Amino acid sequence: EEDSGDEQFEIADGRSFTQMYRDIESEGLQPVLNDY
């Protein structure tokens, strides 16, 4: 993307959705995307 705007601040955890979902499951927790 040649014409993107700069960031507001630096992030510390850059995990993708897929990786986050797997990591939450691996801890024995239930990832929830929507409950409505």
Full PDB file with SEQRES, HELIX, SHEET, SSBOND, CRYST1, ORIGX, SCALE, CONECT and MASTER records, all heavy atoms in Angstrom:
SEQRES   1 A   36  GLU GLU ASP SER GLY ASP GLU GLN PHE GLU ILE ALA ASP          
SEQRES   2 A   36  GLY ARG SER PHE THR GLN MET TYR ARG ASP ILE GLU SER          
SEQRES   3 A   36  GLU GLY LEU GLN PRO VAL LEU ASN ASP TYR                      
HELIX    1 AA1 PHE A   17  SER A   26  1                                  10    
CRYST1    1.000    1.000    1.000  90.00  90.00  90.00 P 1           1          
ORIGX1      1.000000  0.000000  0.000000        0.00000                         
ORIGX2      0.000000  1.000000  0.000000        0.00000                         
ORIGX3      0.000000  0.000000  1.000000        0.00000                         
SCALE1      1.000000  0.000000  0.000000        0.00000                         
SCALE2      0.000000  1.000000  0.000000        0.00000                         
SCALE3      0.000000  0.000000  1.000000        0.00000                         
ATOM      1  N   GLU A   1       0.864  -1.182   0.000  1.00  0.00           N  
ATOM      2  CA  GLU A   1       0.000   0.000   0.000  1.00  0.00           C  
ATOM      3  C   GLU A   1       0.899   1.229   0.000  1.00  0.00           C  
ATOM      4  O   GLU A   1       1.602   1.507   0.972  1.00  0.00           O  
ATOM      5  CB  GLU A   1      -0.899  -0.005   1.241  1.00  0.00           C  
ATOM      6  CG  GLU A   1      -1.749   1.236   1.425  1.00  0.00           C  
ATOM      7  CD  GLU A   1      -2.661   1.526   0.271  1.00  0.00           C  
ATOM      8  OE1 GLU A   1      -3.503   0.675  -0.054  1.00  0.00           O  
ATOM      9  OE2 GLU A   1      -2.513   2.614  -0.332  1.00  0.00           O  
ATOM     10  N   GLU A   2       0.914   1.948  -1.117  1.00  0.00           N  
ATOM     11  CA  GLU A   2       1.832   3.069  -1.269  1.00  0.00           C  
ATOM     12  C   GLU A   2       1.367   4.316  -0.519  1.00  0.00           C  
ATOM     13  O   GLU A   2       2.167   5.152  -0.140  1.00  0.00           O  
ATOM     14  CB  GLU A   2       2.003   3.415  -2.756  1.00  0.00           C  
ATOM     15  CG  GLU A   2       2.639   2.284  -3.562  1.00  0.00           C  
ATOM     16  CD  GLU A   2       2.792   2.653  -5.022  1.00  0.00           C  
ATOM     17  OE1 GLU A   2       2.366   3.772  -5.398  1.00  0.00           O  
ATOM     18  OE2 GLU A   2       3.327   1.841  -5.791  1.00  0.00           O  
ATOM     19  N   ASP A   3       0.084   4.449  -0.325  1.00  0.00           N  
ATOM     20  CA  ASP A   3      -0.469   5.702   0.201  1.00  0.00           C  
ATOM     21  C   ASP A   3      -1.239   5.455   1.489  1.00  0.00           C  
ATOM     22  O   ASP A   3      -2.425   5.715   1.581  1.00  0.00           O  
ATOM     23  CB  ASP A   3      -1.378   6.336  -0.855  1.00  0.00           C  
ATOM     24  CG  ASP A   3      -1.866   7.713  -0.415  1.00  0.00           C  
ATOM     25  OD1 ASP A   3      -1.153   8.363   0.352  1.00  0.00           O  
ATOM     26  OD2 ASP A   3      -2.958   8.108  -0.867  1.00  0.00           O  
ATOM     27  N   SER A   4      -0.569   4.916   2.488  1.00  0.00           N  
ATOM     28  CA  SER A   4      -1.231   4.688   3.766  1.00  0.00           C  
ATOM     29  C   SER A   4      -0.854   5.794   4.733  1.00  0.00           C  
ATOM     30  O   SER A   4       0.184   6.434   4.610  1.00  0.00           O  
ATOM     31  CB  SER A   4      -0.828   3.330   4.355  1.00  0.00           C  
ATOM     32  OG  SER A   4       0.558   3.281   4.583  1.00  0.00           O  
ATOM     33  N   GLY A   5      -1.728   6.023   5.729  1.00  0.00           N  
ATOM     34  CA  GLY A   5      -1.462   7.058   6.724  1.00  0.00           C  
ATOM     35  C   GLY A   5      -0.687   6.499   7.891  1.00  0.00           C  
ATOM     36  O   GLY A   5      -0.777   5.312   8.220  1.00  0.00           O  
ATOM     37  N   ASP A   6       0.092   7.365   8.556  1.00  0.00           N  
ATOM     38  CA  ASP A   6       0.928   6.922   9.664  1.00  0.00           C  
ATOM     39  C   ASP A   6       0.102   6.476  10.862  1.00  0.00           C  
ATOM     40  O   ASP A   6      -1.056   6.852  11.031  1.00  0.00           O  
ATOM     41  CB  ASP A   6       1.881   8.045  10.084  1.00  0.00           C  
ATOM     42  CG  ASP A   6       3.082   8.150   9.157  1.00  0.00           C  
ATOM     43  OD1 ASP A   6       3.435   7.132   8.542  1.00  0.00           O  
ATOM     44  OD2 ASP A   6       3.652   9.248   9.043  1.00  0.00           O  
ATOM     45  N   GLU A   7       0.761   5.701  11.731  1.00  0.00           N  
ATOM     46  CA  GLU A   7       0.100   5.112  12.889  1.00  0.00           C  
ATOM     47  C   GLU A   7      -0.009   6.108  14.041  1.00  0.00           C  
ATOM     48  O   GLU A   7       0.769   7.044  14.163  1.00  0.00           O  
ATOM     49  CB  GLU A   7       0.871   3.876  13.352  1.00  0.00           C  
ATOM     50  CG  GLU A   7       0.917   2.770  12.298  1.00  0.00           C  
ATOM     51  CD  GLU A   7       1.593   1.514  12.807  1.00  0.00           C  
ATOM     52  OE1 GLU A   7       2.406   1.626  13.751  1.00  0.00           O  
ATOM     53  OE2 GLU A   7       1.299   0.432  12.280  1.00  0.00           O  
ATOM     54  N   GLN A   8      -1.008   5.835  14.916  1.00  0.00           N  
ATOM     55  CA  GLN A   8      -1.214   6.694  16.082  1.00  0.00           C  
ATOM     56  C   GLN A   8      -0.182   6.410  17.164  1.00  0.00           C  
ATOM     57  O   GLN A   8       0.269   7.311  17.863  1.00  0.00           O  
ATOM     58  CB  GLN A   8      -2.626   6.501  16.638  1.00  0.00           C  
ATOM     59  CG  GLN A   8      -2.972   7.456  17.774  1.00  0.00           C  
ATOM     60  CD  GLN A   8      -4.384   7.262  18.278  1.00  0.00           C  
ATOM     61  OE1 GLN A   8      -4.951   6.183  18.159  1.00  0.00           O  
ATOM     62  NE2 GLN A   8      -4.954   8.300  18.854  1.00  0.00           N  
ATOM     63  N   PHE A   9       0.154   5.148  17.336  1.00  0.00           N  
ATOM     64  CA  PHE A   9       1.141   4.745  18.336  1.00  0.00           C  
ATOM     65  C   PHE A   9       1.664   3.368  17.949  1.00  0.00           C  
ATOM     66  O   PHE A   9       1.118   2.700  17.064  1.00  0.00           O  
ATOM     67  CB  PHE A   9       0.525   4.693  19.749  1.00  0.00           C  
ATOM     68  CG  PHE A   9      -0.690   3.797  19.846  1.00  0.00           C  
ATOM     69  CD1 PHE A   9      -0.567   2.441  20.068  1.00  0.00           C  
ATOM     70  CD2 PHE A   9      -1.967   4.324  19.695  1.00  0.00           C  
ATOM     71  CE1 PHE A   9      -1.693   1.617  20.146  1.00  0.00           C  
ATOM     72  CE2 PHE A   9      -3.095   3.512  19.769  1.00  0.00           C  
ATOM     73  CZ  PHE A   9      -2.952   2.156  19.986  1.00  0.00           C  
ATOM     74  N   GLU A  10       2.729   2.938  18.596  1.00  0.00           N  
ATOM     75  CA  GLU A  10       3.298   1.625  18.332  1.00  0.00           C  
ATOM     76  C   GLU A  10       2.539   0.556  19.120  1.00  0.00           C  
ATOM     77  O   GLU A  10       2.210   0.756  20.291  1.00  0.00           O  
ATOM     78  CB  GLU A  10       4.768   1.594  18.736  1.00  0.00           C  
ATOM     79  CG  GLU A  10       5.663   2.500  17.919  1.00  0.00           C  
ATOM     80  CD  GLU A  10       7.109   2.457  18.385  1.00  0.00           C  
ATOM     81  OE1 GLU A  10       7.432   1.573  19.225  1.00  0.00           O  
ATOM     82  OE2 GLU A  10       7.899   3.282  17.927  1.00  0.00           O  
ATOM     83  N   ILE A  11       2.288  -0.577  18.473  1.00  0.00           N  
ATOM     84  CA  ILE A  11       1.669  -1.695  19.176  1.00  0.00           C  
ATOM     85  C   ILE A  11       2.762  -2.642  19.667  1.00  0.00           C  
ATOM     86  O   ILE A  11       3.890  -2.627  19.184  1.00  0.00           O  
ATOM     87  CB  ILE A  11       0.652  -2.446  18.292  1.00  0.00           C  
ATOM     88  CG1 ILE A  11       1.332  -3.094  17.078  1.00  0.00           C  
ATOM     89  CG2 ILE A  11      -0.460  -1.510  17.857  1.00  0.00           C  
ATOM     90  CD1 ILE A  11       0.415  -3.991  16.281  1.00  0.00           C  
ATOM     91  N   ALA A  12       2.406  -3.484  20.644  1.00  0.00           N  
ATOM     92  CA  ALA A  12       3.371  -4.429  21.203  1.00  0.00           C  
ATOM     93  C   ALA A  12       3.034  -5.875  20.862  1.00  0.00           C  
ATOM     94  O   ALA A  12       3.892  -6.742  20.917  1.00  0.00           O  
ATOM     95  CB  ALA A  12       3.438  -4.262  22.718  1.00  0.00           C  
ATOM     96  N   ASP A  13       1.781  -6.141  20.534  1.00  0.00           N  
ATOM     97  CA  ASP A  13       1.343  -7.502  20.222  1.00  0.00           C  
ATOM     98  C   ASP A  13       0.719  -7.503  18.829  1.00  0.00           C  
ATOM     99  O   ASP A  13      -0.403  -7.025  18.648  1.00  0.00           O  
ATOM    100  CB  ASP A  13       0.327  -7.981  21.265  1.00  0.00           C  
ATOM    101  CG  ASP A  13      -0.089  -9.441  21.072  1.00  0.00           C  
ATOM    102  OD1 ASP A  13       0.353 -10.063  20.086  1.00  0.00           O  
ATOM    103  OD2 ASP A  13      -0.854  -9.948  21.916  1.00  0.00           O  
ATOM    104  N   GLY A  14       1.444  -8.011  17.855  1.00  0.00           N  
ATOM    105  CA  GLY A  14       0.992  -7.956  16.468  1.00  0.00           C  
ATOM    106  C   GLY A  14       0.371  -9.242  15.952  1.00  0.00           C  
ATOM    107  O   GLY A  14       0.336  -9.463  14.740  1.00  0.00           O  
ATOM    108  N   ARG A  15      -0.140 -10.078  16.852  1.00  0.00           N  
ATOM    109  CA  ARG A  15      -0.699 -11.359  16.411  1.00  0.00           C  
ATOM    110  C   ARG A  15      -1.900 -11.195  15.490  1.00  0.00           C  
ATOM    111  O   ARG A  15      -2.728 -10.294  15.676  1.00  0.00           O  
ATOM    112  CB  ARG A  15      -1.117 -12.191  17.624  1.00  0.00           C  
ATOM    113  CG  ARG A  15       0.012 -12.966  18.261  1.00  0.00           C  
ATOM    114  CD  ARG A  15      -0.455 -13.729  19.476  1.00  0.00           C  
ATOM    115  NE  ARG A  15      -0.745 -12.845  20.608  1.00  0.00           N  
ATOM    116  CZ  ARG A  15      -1.199 -13.270  21.783  1.00  0.00           C  
ATOM    117  NH1 ARG A  15      -1.456 -14.555  21.968  1.00  0.00           N  
ATOM    118  NH2 ARG A  15      -1.414 -12.410  22.763  1.00  0.00           N  
ATOM    119  N   SER A  16      -1.988 -12.066  14.503  1.00  0.00           N  
ATOM    120  CA  SER A  16      -3.137 -12.097  13.606  1.00  0.00           C  
ATOM    121  C   SER A  16      -4.351 -12.642  14.340  1.00  0.00           C  
ATOM    122  O   SER A  16      -4.240 -13.216  15.439  1.00  0.00           O  
ATOM    123  CB  SER A  16      -2.841 -12.988  12.402  1.00  0.00           C  
ATOM    124  OG  SER A  16      -2.732 -14.349  12.818  1.00  0.00           O  
ATOM    125  N   PHE A  17      -5.522 -12.475  13.714  1.00  0.00           N  
ATOM    126  CA  PHE A  17      -6.746 -13.039  14.293  1.00  0.00           C  
ATOM    127  C   PHE A  17      -6.619 -14.549  14.466  1.00  0.00           C  
ATOM    128  O   PHE A  17      -6.943 -15.099  15.523  1.00  0.00           O  
ATOM    129  CB  PHE A  17      -7.942 -12.712  13.401  1.00  0.00           C  
ATOM    130  CG  PHE A  17      -9.145 -13.571  13.671  1.00  0.00           C  
ATOM    131  CD1 PHE A  17      -9.857 -13.443  14.844  1.00  0.00           C  
ATOM    132  CD2 PHE A  17      -9.541 -14.531  12.749  1.00  0.00           C  
ATOM    133  CE1 PHE A  17     -10.954 -14.246  15.105  1.00  0.00           C  
ATOM    134  CE2 PHE A  17     -10.638 -15.332  12.993  1.00  0.00           C  
ATOM    135  CZ  PHE A  17     -11.346 -15.194  14.180  1.00  0.00           C  
ATOM    136  N   THR A  18      -6.119 -15.237  13.454  1.00  0.00           N  
ATOM    137  CA  THR A  18      -6.009 -16.698  13.505  1.00  0.00           C  
ATOM    138  C   THR A  18      -5.103 -17.137  14.646  1.00  0.00           C  
ATOM    139  O   THR A  18      -5.433 -18.066  15.403  1.00  0.00           O  
ATOM    140  CB  THR A  18      -5.478 -17.251  12.172  1.00  0.00           C  
ATOM    141  OG1 THR A  18      -6.371 -16.856  11.122  1.00  0.00           O  
ATOM    142  CG2 THR A  18      -5.383 -18.766  12.211  1.00  0.00           C  
ATOM    143  N   GLN A  19      -3.960 -16.463  14.787  1.00  0.00           N  
ATOM    144  CA  GLN A  19      -3.031 -16.831  15.851  1.00  0.00           C  
ATOM    145  C   GLN A  19      -3.623 -16.535  17.222  1.00  0.00           C  
ATOM    146  O   GLN A  19      -3.478 -17.321  18.163  1.00  0.00           O  
ATOM    147  CB  GLN A  19      -1.710 -16.083  15.680  1.00  0.00           C  
ATOM    148  CG  GLN A  19      -0.612 -16.557  16.638  1.00  0.00           C  
ATOM    149  CD  GLN A  19      -0.283 -18.024  16.457  1.00  0.00           C  
ATOM    150  OE1 GLN A  19       0.029 -18.457  15.343  1.00  0.00           O  
ATOM    151  NE2 GLN A  19      -0.369 -18.806  17.523  1.00  0.00           N  
ATOM    152  N   MET A  20      -4.302 -15.392  17.361  1.00  0.00           N  
ATOM    153  CA  MET A  20      -4.926 -15.053  18.633  1.00  0.00           C  
ATOM    154  C   MET A  20      -5.988 -16.079  19.004  1.00  0.00           C  
ATOM    155  O   MET A  20      -6.071 -16.526  20.155  1.00  0.00           O  
ATOM    156  CB  MET A  20      -5.548 -13.653  18.557  1.00  0.00           C  
ATOM    157  CG  MET A  20      -6.203 -13.195  19.856  1.00  0.00           C  
ATOM    158  SD  MET A  20      -5.035 -12.914  21.182  1.00  0.00           S  
ATOM    159  CE  MET A  20      -4.330 -11.353  20.659  1.00  0.00           C  
ATOM    160  N   TYR A  21      -6.801 -16.466  18.036  1.00  0.00           N  
ATOM    161  CA  TYR A  21      -7.860 -17.458  18.262  1.00  0.00           C  
ATOM    162  C   TYR A  21      -7.242 -18.763  18.781  1.00  0.00           C  
ATOM    163  O   TYR A  21      -7.715 -19.348  19.765  1.00  0.00           O  
ATOM    164  CB  TYR A  21      -8.622 -17.688  16.970  1.00  0.00           C  
ATOM    165  CG  TYR A  21      -9.952 -18.397  17.124  1.00  0.00           C  
ATOM    166  CD1 TYR A  21     -11.147 -17.681  17.121  1.00  0.00           C  
ATOM    167  CD2 TYR A  21     -10.031 -19.781  17.288  1.00  0.00           C  
ATOM    168  CE1 TYR A  21     -12.369 -18.318  17.261  1.00  0.00           C  
ATOM    169  CE2 TYR A  21     -11.236 -20.432  17.440  1.00  0.00           C  
ATOM    170  CZ  TYR A  21     -12.415 -19.695  17.422  1.00  0.00           C  
ATOM    171  OH  TYR A  21     -13.625 -20.339  17.563  1.00  0.00           O  
ATOM    172  N   ARG A  22      -6.175 -19.207  18.108  1.00  0.00           N  
ATOM    173  CA  ARG A  22      -5.527 -20.465  18.512  1.00  0.00           C  
ATOM    174  C   ARG A  22      -4.903 -20.362  19.893  1.00  0.00           C  
ATOM    175  O   ARG A  22      -4.980 -21.300  20.701  1.00  0.00           O  
ATOM    176  CB  ARG A  22      -4.460 -20.838  17.480  1.00  0.00           C  
ATOM    177  CG  ARG A  22      -5.018 -21.296  16.137  1.00  0.00           C  
ATOM    178  CD  ARG A  22      -3.902 -21.461  15.133  1.00  0.00           C  
ATOM    179  NE  ARG A  22      -4.395 -21.907  13.836  1.00  0.00           N  
ATOM    180  CZ  ARG A  22      -3.681 -21.892  12.723  1.00  0.00           C  
ATOM    181  NH1 ARG A  22      -2.426 -21.448  12.748  1.00  0.00           N  
ATOM    182  NH2 ARG A  22      -4.198 -22.321  11.581  1.00  0.00           N  
ATOM    183  N   ASP A  23      -4.284 -19.219  20.171  1.00  0.00           N  
ATOM    184  CA  ASP A  23      -3.634 -19.049  21.468  1.00  0.00           C  
ATOM    185  C   ASP A  23      -4.653 -19.036  22.600  1.00  0.00           C  
ATOM    186  O   ASP A  23      -4.397 -19.585  23.679  1.00  0.00           O  
ATOM    187  CB  ASP A  23      -2.814 -17.754  21.485  1.00  0.00           C  
ATOM    188  CG  ASP A  23      -1.550 -17.846  20.634  1.00  0.00           C  
ATOM    189  OD1 ASP A  23      -1.221 -18.966  20.178  1.00  0.00           O  
ATOM    190  OD2 ASP A  23      -0.911 -16.805  20.413  1.00  0.00           O  
ATOM    191  N   ILE A  24      -5.793 -18.405  22.378  1.00  0.00           N  
ATOM    192  CA  ILE A  24      -6.842 -18.394  23.401  1.00  0.00           C  
ATOM    193  C   ILE A  24      -7.348 -19.816  23.646  1.00  0.00           C  
ATOM    194  O   ILE A  24      -7.508 -20.259  24.795  1.00  0.00           O  
ATOM    195  CB  ILE A  24      -7.997 -17.466  22.978  1.00  0.00           C  
ATOM    196  CG1 ILE A  24      -7.537 -16.001  23.030  1.00  0.00           C  
ATOM    197  CG2 ILE A  24      -9.217 -17.659  23.883  1.00  0.00           C  
ATOM    198  CD1 ILE A  24      -8.529 -15.023  22.436  1.00  0.00           C  
ATOM    199  N   GLU A  25      -7.596 -20.546  22.570  1.00  0.00           N  
ATOM    200  CA  GLU A  25      -8.039 -21.947  22.709  1.00  0.00           C  
ATOM    201  C   GLU A  25      -7.016 -22.790  23.453  1.00  0.00           C  
ATOM    202  O   GLU A  25      -7.385 -23.659  24.266  1.00  0.00           O  
ATOM    203  CB  GLU A  25      -8.298 -22.542  21.327  1.00  0.00           C  
ATOM    204  CG  GLU A  25      -9.630 -22.167  20.713  1.00  0.00           C  
ATOM    205  CD  GLU A  25      -9.931 -22.987  19.473  1.00  0.00           C  
ATOM    206  OE1 GLU A  25      -9.001 -23.211  18.663  1.00  0.00           O  
ATOM    207  OE2 GLU A  25     -11.093 -23.416  19.314  1.00  0.00           O  
ATOM    208  N   SER A  26      -5.734 -22.568  23.158  1.00  0.00           N  
ATOM    209  CA  SER A  26      -4.677 -23.379  23.781  1.00  0.00           C  
ATOM    210  C   SER A  26      -4.605 -23.177  25.285  1.00  0.00           C  
ATOM    211  O   SER A  26      -4.057 -24.000  26.010  1.00  0.00           O  
ATOM    212  CB  SER A  26      -3.325 -23.063  23.144  1.00  0.00           C  
ATOM    213  OG  SER A  26      -2.866 -21.781  23.535  1.00  0.00           O  
ATOM    214  N   GLU A  27      -5.158 -22.054  25.771  1.00  0.00           N  
ATOM    215  CA  GLU A  27      -5.187 -21.781  27.205  1.00  0.00           C  
ATOM    216  C   GLU A  27      -6.435 -22.355  27.870  1.00  0.00           C  
ATOM    217  O   GLU A  27      -6.686 -22.116  29.057  1.00  0.00           O  
ATOM    218  CB  GLU A  27      -5.125 -20.271  27.455  1.00  0.00           C  
ATOM    219  CG  GLU A  27      -3.858 -19.587  26.963  1.00  0.00           C  
ATOM    220  CD  GLU A  27      -2.642 -19.938  27.794  1.00  0.00           C  
ATOM    221  OE1 GLU A  27      -2.813 -20.543  28.887  1.00  0.00           O  
ATOM    222  OE2 GLU A  27      -1.521 -19.616  27.364  1.00  0.00           O  
ATOM    223  N   GLY A  28      -7.248 -23.082  27.103  1.00  0.00           N  
ATOM    224  CA  GLY A  28      -8.472 -23.652  27.647  1.00  0.00           C  
ATOM    225  C   GLY A  28      -9.619 -22.675  27.728  1.00  0.00           C  
ATOM    226  O   GLY A  28     -10.618 -22.936  28.413  1.00  0.00           O  
ATOM    227  N   LEU A  29      -9.485 -21.557  27.024  1.00  0.00           N  
ATOM    228  CA  LEU A  29     -10.537 -20.535  26.999  1.00  0.00           C  
ATOM    229  C   LEU A  29     -11.328 -20.632  25.708  1.00  0.00           C  
ATOM    230  O   LEU A  29     -10.898 -21.280  24.747  1.00  0.00           O  
ATOM    231  CB  LEU A  29      -9.916 -19.144  27.131  1.00  0.00           C  
ATOM    232  CG  LEU A  29      -9.096 -18.906  28.405  1.00  0.00           C  
ATOM    233  CD1 LEU A  29      -8.329 -17.598  28.312  1.00  0.00           C  
ATOM    234  CD2 LEU A  29      -9.986 -18.923  29.638  1.00  0.00           C  
ATOM    235  N   GLN A  30     -12.490 -19.987  25.676  1.00  0.00           N  
ATOM    236  CA  GLN A  30     -13.358 -20.034  24.506  1.00  0.00           C  
ATOM    237  C   GLN A  30     -13.364 -18.698  23.787  1.00  0.00           C  
ATOM    238  O   GLN A  30     -13.920 -17.717  24.293  1.00  0.00           O  
ATOM    239  CB  GLN A  30     -14.787 -20.405  24.913  1.00  0.00           C  
ATOM    240  CG  GLN A  30     -15.790 -20.380  23.772  1.00  0.00           C  
ATOM    241  CD  GLN A  30     -15.435 -21.337  22.654  1.00  0.00           C  
ATOM    242  OE1 GLN A  30     -15.263 -22.523  22.895  1.00  0.00           O  
ATOM    243  NE2 GLN A  30     -15.299 -20.830  21.440  1.00  0.00           N  
ATOM    244  N   PRO A  31     -12.752 -18.606  22.598  1.00  0.00           N  
ATOM    245  CA  PRO A  31     -12.831 -17.356  21.840  1.00  0.00           C  
ATOM    246  C   PRO A  31     -14.261 -17.122  21.364  1.00  0.00           C  
ATOM    247  O   PRO A  31     -14.933 -18.040  20.892  1.00  0.00           O  
ATOM    248  CB  PRO A  31     -11.892 -17.599  20.645  1.00  0.00           C  
ATOM    249  CG  PRO A  31     -11.141 -18.855  20.955  1.00  0.00           C  
ATOM    250  CD  PRO A  31     -11.996 -19.647  21.890  1.00  0.00           C  
ATOM    251  N   VAL A  32     -14.735 -15.883  21.484  1.00  0.00           N  
ATOM    252  CA  VAL A  32     -16.088 -15.527  21.069  1.00  0.00           C  
ATOM    253  C   VAL A  32     -15.988 -14.374  20.073  1.00  0.00           C  
ATOM    254  O   VAL A  32     -15.313 -13.380  20.316  1.00  0.00           O  
ATOM    255  CB  VAL A  32     -16.964 -15.109  22.268  1.00  0.00           C  
ATOM    256  CG1 VAL A  32     -18.330 -14.631  21.793  1.00  0.00           C  
ATOM    257  CG2 VAL A  32     -17.120 -16.272  23.231  1.00  0.00           C  
ATOM    258  N   LEU A  33     -16.656 -14.516  18.947  1.00  0.00           N  
ATOM    259  CA  LEU A  33     -16.636 -13.483  17.909  1.00  0.00           C  
ATOM    260  C   LEU A  33     -17.850 -12.589  17.986  1.00  0.00           C  
ATOM    261  O   LEU A  33     -17.790 -11.419  17.612  1.00  0.00           O  
ATOM    262  CB  LEU A  33     -16.540 -14.131  16.529  1.00  0.00           C  
ATOM    263  CG  LEU A  33     -15.385 -15.114  16.333  1.00  0.00           C  
ATOM    264  CD1 LEU A  33     -15.379 -15.638  14.915  1.00  0.00           C  
ATOM    265  CD2 LEU A  33     -14.058 -14.442  16.667  1.00  0.00           C  
ATOM    266  N   ASN A  34     -18.965 -13.120  18.470  1.00  0.00           N  
ATOM    267  CA  ASN A  34     -20.189 -12.323  18.592  1.00  0.00           C  
ATOM    268  C   ASN A  34     -21.193 -13.128  19.395  1.00  0.00           C  
ATOM    269  O   ASN A  34     -21.298 -14.334  19.235  1.00  0.00           O  
ATOM    270  CB  ASN A  34     -20.766 -12.013  17.190  1.00  0.00           C  
ATOM    271  CG  ASN A  34     -22.049 -11.228  17.285  1.00  0.00           C  
ATOM    272  OD1 ASN A  34     -22.094 -10.122  17.795  1.00  0.00           O  
ATOM    273  ND2 ASN A  34     -23.136 -11.817  16.793  1.00  0.00           N  
ATOM    274  N   ASP A  35     -21.940 -12.458  20.260  1.00  0.00           N  
ATOM    275  CA  ASP A  35     -22.949 -13.173  21.041  1.00  0.00           C  
ATOM    276  C   ASP A  35     -24.315 -12.542  20.954  1.00  0.00           C  
ATOM    277  O   ASP A  35     -25.154 -12.697  21.824  1.00  0.00           O  
ATOM    278  CB  ASP A  35     -22.518 -13.292  22.515  1.00  0.00           C  
ATOM    279  CG  ASP A  35     -22.375 -11.951  23.210  1.00  0.00           C  
ATOM    280  OD1 ASP A  35     -22.541 -10.919  22.528  1.00  0.00           O  
ATOM    281  OD2 ASP A  35     -22.109 -11.947  24.416  1.00  0.00           O  
ATOM    282  N   TYR A  36     -24.550 -11.829  19.831  1.00  0.00           N  
ATOM    283  CA  TYR A  36     -25.853 -11.205  19.614  1.00  0.00           C  
ATOM    284  C   TYR A  36     -26.629 -11.964  18.543  1.00  0.00           C  
ATOM    285  O   TYR A  36     -26.062 -12.410  17.545  1.00  0.00           O  
ATOM    286  CB  TYR A  36     -25.712  -9.740  19.207  1.00  0.00           C  
ATOM    287  CG  TYR A  36     -25.343  -8.852  20.362  1.00  0.00           C  
ATOM    288  CD1 TYR A  36     -24.014  -8.572  20.640  1.00  0.00           C  
ATOM    289  CD2 TYR A  36     -26.336  -8.342  21.195  1.00  0.00           C  
ATOM    290  CE1 TYR A  36     -23.679  -7.785  21.717  1.00  0.00           C  
ATOM    291  CE2 TYR A  36     -25.998  -7.558  22.271  1.00  0.00           C  
ATOM    292  CZ  TYR A  36     -24.664  -7.290  22.536  1.00  0.00           C  
ATOM    293  OH  TYR A  36     -24.336  -6.511  23.610  1.00  0.00           O  
TER     294      TYR A  36                                                      
MASTER        0    0    0    1    0    0    0    6  293    1    0    3          
END                                                                             
